[in-house]
PDB file of all heavy atoms in Angstrom:
ATOM      1  N   GLU A   1      -5.521  -6.150  -4.659  1.00  0.00           N
ATOM      2  CA  GLU A   1      -5.318  -7.293  -3.763  1.00  0.00           C
ATOM      3  C   GLU A   1      -3.898  -7.361  -3.203  1.00  0.00           C
ATOM      4  O   GLU A   1      -3.440  -8.404  -2.766  1.00  0.00           O
ATOM      5  CB  GLU A   1      -5.672  -8.603  -4.477  1.00  0.00           C
ATOM      6  CG  GLU A   1      -4.758  -8.987  -5.617  1.00  0.00           C
ATOM      7  CD  GLU A   1      -5.061  -8.324  -6.954  1.00  0.00           C
ATOM      8  OE1 GLU A   1      -5.978  -7.502  -7.035  1.00  0.00           O
ATOM      9  OE2 GLU A   1      -4.369  -8.640  -7.925  1.00  0.00           O
ATOM     10  N   SER A   2      -3.205  -6.250  -3.194  1.00  0.00           N
ATOM     11  CA  SER A   2      -1.807  -6.216  -2.743  1.00  0.00           C
ATOM     12  C   SER A   2      -1.697  -6.270  -1.227  1.00  0.00           C
ATOM     13  O   SER A   2      -2.648  -6.032  -0.486  1.00  0.00           O
ATOM     14  CB  SER A   2      -1.126  -4.950  -3.247  1.00  0.00           C
ATOM     15  OG  SER A   2      -1.578  -3.827  -2.510  1.00  0.00           O
ATOM     16  N   TRP A   3      -0.490  -6.538  -0.770  1.00  0.00           N
ATOM     17  CA  TRP A   3      -0.206  -6.556   0.664  1.00  0.00           C
ATOM     18  C   TRP A   3      -0.492  -5.202   1.292  1.00  0.00           C
ATOM     19  O   TRP A   3      -0.936  -5.127   2.445  1.00  0.00           O
ATOM     20  CB  TRP A   3       1.249  -6.973   0.904  1.00  0.00           C
ATOM     21  CG  TRP A   3       2.253  -6.041   0.294  1.00  0.00           C
ATOM     22  CD1 TRP A   3       2.742  -6.073  -0.981  1.00  0.00           C
ATOM     23  CD2 TRP A   3       2.857  -4.917   0.919  1.00  0.00           C
ATOM     24  NE1 TRP A   3       3.629  -5.041  -1.183  1.00  0.00           N
ATOM     25  CE2 TRP A   3       3.721  -4.316  -0.021  1.00  0.00           C
ATOM     26  CE3 TRP A   3       2.766  -4.357   2.188  1.00  0.00           C
ATOM     27  CZ2 TRP A   3       4.474  -3.190   0.256  1.00  0.00           C
ATOM     28  CZ3 TRP A   3       3.529  -3.229   2.458  1.00  0.00           C
ATOM     29  CH2 TRP A   3       4.367  -2.662   1.506  1.00  0.00           C
ATOM     30  N   ALA A   4      -0.271  -4.126   0.537  1.00  0.00           N
ATOM     31  CA  ALA A   4      -0.503  -2.782   1.070  1.00  0.00           C
ATOM     32  C   ALA A   4      -1.987  -2.548   1.330  1.00  0.00           C
ATOM     33  O   ALA A   4      -2.366  -1.987   2.363  1.00  0.00           O
ATOM     34  CB  ALA A   4       0.033  -1.738   0.101  1.00  0.00           C
ATOM     35  N   ASN A   5      -2.825  -2.974   0.418  1.00  0.00           N
ATOM     36  CA  ASN A   5      -4.266  -2.784   0.590  1.00  0.00           C
ATOM     37  C   ASN A   5      -4.848  -3.747   1.620  1.00  0.00           C
ATOM     38  O   ASN A   5      -5.825  -3.418   2.296  1.00  0.00           O
ATOM     39  CB  ASN A   5      -4.977  -2.901  -0.747  1.00  0.00           C
ATOM     40  CG  ASN A   5      -4.707  -1.694  -1.618  1.00  0.00           C
ATOM     41  OD1 ASN A   5      -4.683  -0.566  -1.138  1.00  0.00           O
ATOM     42  ND2 ASN A   5      -4.486  -1.908  -2.893  1.00  0.00           N
ATOM     43  N   ILE A   6      -4.272  -4.919   1.757  1.00  0.00           N
ATOM     44  CA  ILE A   6      -4.706  -5.837   2.813  1.00  0.00           C
ATOM     45  C   ILE A   6      -4.384  -5.232   4.176  1.00  0.00           C
ATOM     46  O   ILE A   6      -5.205  -5.264   5.096  1.00  0.00           O
ATOM     47  CB  ILE A   6      -4.054  -7.224   2.634  1.00  0.00           C
ATOM     48  CG1 ILE A   6      -4.618  -7.899   1.381  1.00  0.00           C
ATOM     49  CG2 ILE A   6      -4.273  -8.091   3.871  1.00  0.00           C
ATOM     50  CD1 ILE A   6      -3.881  -9.152   0.966  1.00  0.00           C
ATOM     51  N   GLY A   7      -3.196  -4.650   4.297  1.00  0.00           N
ATOM     52  CA  GLY A   7      -2.841  -3.971   5.543  1.00  0.00           C
ATOM     53  C   GLY A   7      -3.780  -2.830   5.847  1.00  0.00           C
ATOM     54  O   GLY A   7      -4.208  -2.643   6.991  1.00  0.00           O
ATOM     55  N   LYS A   8      -4.135  -2.071   4.835  1.00  0.00           N
ATOM     56  CA  LYS A   8      -5.050  -0.945   5.007  1.00  0.00           C
ATOM     57  C   LYS A   8      -6.405  -1.406   5.528  1.00  0.00           C
ATOM     58  O   LYS A   8      -7.017  -0.754   6.363  1.00  0.00           O
ATOM     59  CB  LYS A   8      -5.214  -0.210   3.673  1.00  0.00           C
ATOM     60  CG  LYS A   8      -6.116   0.986   3.734  1.00  0.00           C
ATOM     61  CD  LYS A   8      -6.195   1.660   2.374  1.00  0.00           C
ATOM     62  CE  LYS A   8      -7.072   2.885   2.414  1.00  0.00           C
ATOM     63  NZ  LYS A   8      -7.119   3.556   1.116  1.00  0.00           N
ATOM     64  N   SER A   9      -6.875  -2.547   5.039  1.00  0.00           N
ATOM     65  CA  SER A   9      -8.198  -3.021   5.450  1.00  0.00           C
ATOM     66  C   SER A   9      -8.185  -3.699   6.814  1.00  0.00           C
ATOM     67  O   SER A   9      -9.225  -3.833   7.442  1.00  0.00           O
ATOM     68  CB  SER A   9      -8.764  -3.972   4.390  1.00  0.00           C
ATOM     69  OG  SER A   9      -7.993  -5.150   4.325  1.00  0.00           O
ATOM     70  N   THR A  10      -7.012  -4.118   7.285  1.00  0.00           N
ATOM     71  CA  THR A  10      -6.964  -4.808   8.577  1.00  0.00           C
ATOM     72  C   THR A  10      -6.413  -3.953   9.716  1.00  0.00           C
ATOM     73  O   THR A  10      -6.755  -4.194  10.869  1.00  0.00           O
ATOM     74  CB  THR A  10      -6.120  -6.102   8.475  1.00  0.00           C
ATOM     75  OG1 THR A  10      -4.813  -5.775   8.030  1.00  0.00           O
ATOM     76  CG2 THR A  10      -6.750  -7.096   7.525  1.00  0.00           C
ATOM     77  N   LEU A  11      -5.591  -2.993   9.416  1.00  0.00           N
ATOM     78  CA  LEU A  11      -4.996  -2.133  10.451  1.00  0.00           C
ATOM     79  C   LEU A  11      -5.695  -0.776  10.442  1.00  0.00           C
ATOM     80  O   LEU A  11      -5.174   0.219   9.958  1.00  0.00           O
ATOM     81  CB  LEU A  11      -3.493  -1.976  10.201  1.00  0.00           C
ATOM     82  CG  LEU A  11      -2.685  -3.267  10.198  1.00  0.00           C
ATOM     83  CD1 LEU A  11      -1.257  -3.007   9.710  1.00  0.00           C
ATOM     84  CD2 LEU A  11      -2.670  -3.885  11.581  1.00  0.00           C
ATOM     85  N   LYS A  12      -6.875  -0.739  10.984  1.00  0.00           N
ATOM     86  CA  LYS A  12      -7.736   0.444  10.902  1.00  0.00           C
ATOM     87  C   LYS A  12      -7.225   1.649  11.683  1.00  0.00           C
ATOM     88  O   LYS A  12      -7.616   2.766  11.399  1.00  0.00           O
ATOM     89  CB  LYS A  12      -9.149   0.107  11.389  1.00  0.00           C
ATOM     90  CG  LYS A  12      -9.817  -0.999  10.617  1.00  0.00           C
ATOM     91  CD  LYS A  12     -10.207  -0.529   9.251  1.00  0.00           C
ATOM     92  CE  LYS A  12     -11.035  -1.617   8.569  1.00  0.00           C
ATOM     93  NZ  LYS A  12     -11.390  -1.267   7.235  1.00  0.00           N
ATOM     94  N   LYS A  13      -6.345   1.426  12.659  1.00  0.00           N
ATOM     95  CA  LYS A  13      -5.902   2.570  13.469  1.00  0.00           C
ATOM     96  C   LYS A  13      -4.768   3.360  12.822  1.00  0.00           C
ATOM     97  O   LYS A  13      -4.285   4.326  13.397  1.00  0.00           O
ATOM     98  CB  LYS A  13      -5.505   2.110  14.871  1.00  0.00           C
ATOM     99  CG  LYS A  13      -4.302   1.208  14.942  1.00  0.00           C
ATOM    100  CD  LYS A  13      -4.011   0.827  16.389  1.00  0.00           C
ATOM    101  CE  LYS A  13      -2.773  -0.034  16.460  1.00  0.00           C
ATOM    102  NZ  LYS A  13      -2.423  -0.351  17.838  1.00  0.00           N
ATOM    103  N   TYR A  14      -4.363   2.957  11.626  1.00  0.00           N
ATOM    104  CA  TYR A  14      -3.301   3.647  10.895  1.00  0.00           C
ATOM    105  C   TYR A  14      -3.857   4.303   9.643  1.00  0.00           C
ATOM    106  O   TYR A  14      -4.783   3.800   9.021  1.00  0.00           O
ATOM    107  CB  TYR A  14      -2.192   2.672  10.484  1.00  0.00           C
ATOM    108  CG  TYR A  14      -1.486   2.036  11.643  1.00  0.00           C
ATOM    109  CD1 TYR A  14      -1.874   0.790  12.118  1.00  0.00           C
ATOM    110  CD2 TYR A  14      -0.427   2.687  12.265  1.00  0.00           C
ATOM    111  CE1 TYR A  14      -1.230   0.202  13.195  1.00  0.00           C
ATOM    112  CE2 TYR A  14       0.224   2.107  13.341  1.00  0.00           C
ATOM    113  CZ  TYR A  14      -0.183   0.865  13.798  1.00  0.00           C
ATOM    114  OH  TYR A  14       0.453   0.289  14.861  1.00  0.00           O
ATOM    115  N   LYS A  15      -3.258   5.403   9.251  1.00  0.00           N
ATOM    116  CA  LYS A  15      -3.590   6.065   7.988  1.00  0.00           C
ATOM    117  C   LYS A  15      -2.596   5.565   6.949  1.00  0.00           C
ATOM    118  O   LYS A  15      -1.385   5.751   7.093  1.00  0.00           O
ATOM    119  CB  LYS A  15      -3.491   7.586   8.162  1.00  0.00           C
ATOM    120  CG  LYS A  15      -3.635   8.380   6.908  1.00  0.00           C
ATOM    121  CD  LYS A  15      -5.056   8.476   6.480  1.00  0.00           C
ATOM    122  CE  LYS A  15      -5.127   9.433   5.293  1.00  0.00           C
ATOM    123  NZ  LYS A  15      -6.338   9.368   4.594  1.00  0.00           N
ATOM    124  N   PHE A  16      -3.087   4.900   5.914  1.00  0.00           N
ATOM    125  CA  PHE A  16      -2.219   4.337   4.880  1.00  0.00           C
ATOM    126  C   PHE A  16      -2.104   5.285   3.692  1.00  0.00           C
ATOM    127  O   PHE A  16      -3.085   5.915   3.286  1.00  0.00           O
ATOM    128  CB  PHE A  16      -2.775   2.993   4.389  1.00  0.00           C
ATOM    129  CG  PHE A  16      -2.330   1.828   5.200  1.00  0.00           C
ATOM    130  CD1 PHE A  16      -2.886   1.580   6.441  1.00  0.00           C
ATOM    131  CD2 PHE A  16      -1.336   0.972   4.740  1.00  0.00           C
ATOM    132  CE1 PHE A  16      -2.482   0.511   7.205  1.00  0.00           C
ATOM    133  CE2 PHE A  16      -0.919  -0.103   5.500  1.00  0.00           C
ATOM    134  CZ  PHE A  16      -1.495  -0.335   6.736  1.00  0.00           C
ATOM    135  N   HIS A  17      -0.910   5.343   3.123  1.00  0.00           N
ATOM    136  CA  HIS A  17      -0.639   6.116   1.914  1.00  0.00           C
ATOM    137  C   HIS A  17       0.099   5.173   0.965  1.00  0.00           C
ATOM    138  O   HIS A  17       1.268   4.858   1.181  1.00  0.00           O
ATOM    139  CB  HIS A  17       0.239   7.333   2.228  1.00  0.00           C
ATOM    140  CG  HIS A  17      -0.296   8.191   3.323  1.00  0.00           C
ATOM    141  ND1 HIS A  17      -1.202   9.196   3.092  1.00  0.00           N
ATOM    142  CD2 HIS A  17      -0.064   8.186   4.658  1.00  0.00           C
ATOM    143  CE1 HIS A  17      -1.494   9.784   4.242  1.00  0.00           C
ATOM    144  NE2 HIS A  17      -0.808   9.175   5.208  1.00  0.00           N
ATOM    145  N   ASN A  18      -0.577   4.717  -0.059  1.00  0.00           N
ATOM    146  CA  ASN A  18       0.028   3.787  -1.011  1.00  0.00           C
ATOM    147  C   ASN A  18       0.532   4.577  -2.217  1.00  0.00           C
ATOM    148  O   ASN A  18      -0.245   5.120  -2.991  1.00  0.00           O
ATOM    149  CB  ASN A  18      -0.987   2.732  -1.450  1.00  0.00           C
ATOM    150  CG  ASN A  18      -0.363   1.645  -2.293  1.00  0.00           C
ATOM    151  OD1 ASN A  18       0.777   1.750  -2.723  1.00  0.00           O
ATOM    152  ND2 ASN A  18      -1.113   0.593  -2.528  1.00  0.00           N
ATOM    153  N   VAL A  19       1.847   4.643  -2.368  1.00  0.00           N
ATOM    154  CA  VAL A  19       2.438   5.363  -3.496  1.00  0.00           C
ATOM    155  C   VAL A  19       3.005   4.385  -4.534  1.00  0.00           C
ATOM    156  O   VAL A  19       3.869   4.756  -5.321  1.00  0.00           O
ATOM    157  CB  VAL A  19       3.512   6.381  -3.031  1.00  0.00           C
ATOM    158  CG1 VAL A  19       2.887   7.475  -2.184  1.00  0.00           C
ATOM    159  CG2 VAL A  19       4.643   5.708  -2.265  1.00  0.00           C
ATOM    160  N   GLY A  20       2.499   3.155  -4.520  1.00  0.00           N
ATOM    161  CA  GLY A  20       2.933   2.163  -5.501  1.00  0.00           C
ATOM    162  C   GLY A  20       2.598   2.601  -6.916  1.00  0.00           C
ATOM    163  O   GLY A  20       1.573   3.237  -7.160  1.00  0.00           O
ATOM    164  N   MET A  21       3.473   2.267  -7.857  1.00  0.00           N
ATOM    165  CA  MET A  21       3.266   2.647  -9.250  1.00  0.00           C
ATOM    166  C   MET A  21       3.791   1.537 -10.158  1.00  0.00           C
ATOM    167  O   MET A  21       4.901   1.041  -9.972  1.00  0.00           O
ATOM    168  CB  MET A  21       3.985   3.964  -9.558  1.00  0.00           C
ATOM    169  CG  MET A  21       3.743   4.468 -10.965  1.00  0.00           C
ATOM    170  SD  MET A  21       4.612   6.030 -11.279  1.00  0.00           S
ATOM    171  CE  MET A  21       3.653   7.133 -10.267  1.00  0.00           C
ATOM    172  N   SER A  22       2.995   1.194 -11.115  1.00  0.00           N
ATOM    173  CA  SER A  22       3.350   0.120 -12.034  1.00  0.00           C
ATOM    174  C   SER A  22       4.471   0.534 -12.986  1.00  0.00           C
ATOM    175  O   SER A  22       4.506   1.664 -13.473  1.00  0.00           O
ATOM    176  CB  SER A  22       2.109  -0.256 -12.857  1.00  0.00           C
ATOM    177  OG  SER A  22       2.405  -1.301 -13.732  1.00  0.00           O
ATOM    178  N   GLY A  23       5.393  -0.391 -13.211  1.00  0.00           N
ATOM    179  CA  GLY A  23       6.422  -0.208 -14.227  1.00  0.00           C
ATOM    180  C   GLY A  23       7.571   0.706 -13.855  1.00  0.00           C
ATOM    181  O   GLY A  23       8.246   1.225 -14.733  1.00  0.00           O
ATOM    182  N   VAL A  24       7.785   0.927 -12.580  1.00  0.00           N
ATOM    183  CA  VAL A  24       8.876   1.809 -12.182  1.00  0.00           C
ATOM    184  C   VAL A  24       9.966   1.021 -11.458  1.00  0.00           C
ATOM    185  O   VAL A  24       9.741  -0.060 -10.946  1.00  0.00           O
ATOM    186  CB  VAL A  24       8.379   2.967 -11.284  1.00  0.00           C
ATOM    187  CG1 VAL A  24       7.400   3.838 -12.034  1.00  0.00           C
ATOM    188  CG2 VAL A  24       7.764   2.455  -9.999  1.00  0.00           C
ATOM    189  N   GLY A  25      11.137   1.604 -11.401  1.00  0.00           N
ATOM    190  CA  GLY A  25      12.268   0.979 -10.731  1.00  0.00           C
ATOM    191  C   GLY A  25      12.475   1.538  -9.339  1.00  0.00           C
ATOM    192  O   GLY A  25      11.703   2.375  -8.857  1.00  0.00           O
ATOM    193  N   ASN A  26      13.540   1.081  -8.717  1.00  0.00           N
ATOM    194  CA  ASN A  26      13.815   1.446  -7.331  1.00  0.00           C
ATOM    195  C   ASN A  26      14.030   2.938  -7.120  1.00  0.00           C
ATOM    196  O   ASN A  26      13.665   3.471  -6.077  1.00  0.00           O
ATOM    197  CB  ASN A  26      15.028   0.677  -6.811  1.00  0.00           C
ATOM    198  CG  ASN A  26      14.708  -0.778  -6.612  1.00  0.00           C
ATOM    199  OD1 ASN A  26      13.565  -1.147  -6.379  1.00  0.00           O
ATOM    200  ND2 ASN A  26      15.717  -1.633  -6.713  1.00  0.00           N
ATOM    201  N   TYR A  27      14.619   3.624  -8.097  1.00  0.00           N
ATOM    202  CA  TYR A  27      14.845   5.061  -7.944  1.00  0.00           C
ATOM    203  C   TYR A  27      13.508   5.801  -7.817  1.00  0.00           C
ATOM    204  O   TYR A  27      13.324   6.626  -6.919  1.00  0.00           O
ATOM    205  CB  TYR A  27      15.655   5.625  -9.115  1.00  0.00           C
ATOM    206  CG  TYR A  27      15.857   7.117  -9.007  1.00  0.00           C
ATOM    207  CD1 TYR A  27      16.811   7.644  -8.142  1.00  0.00           C
ATOM    208  CD2 TYR A  27      15.070   7.997  -9.736  1.00  0.00           C
ATOM    209  CE1 TYR A  27      16.978   9.010  -8.013  1.00  0.00           C
ATOM    210  CE2 TYR A  27      15.231   9.360  -9.616  1.00  0.00           C
ATOM    211  CZ  TYR A  27      16.187   9.869  -8.757  1.00  0.00           C
ATOM    212  OH  TYR A  27      16.348  11.221  -8.620  1.00  0.00           O
TER     213      TYR A  27
END
C-alpha cells in the first residue's frame, strides 16, 4: 500500500521499478 505501488497502479504509461527494502539506511 505504499506511495510507490499507488503510483504504479495509477501511472500506467510508466515502467516502475521499486527497489525499496525494509530495514536499510540511506547508503
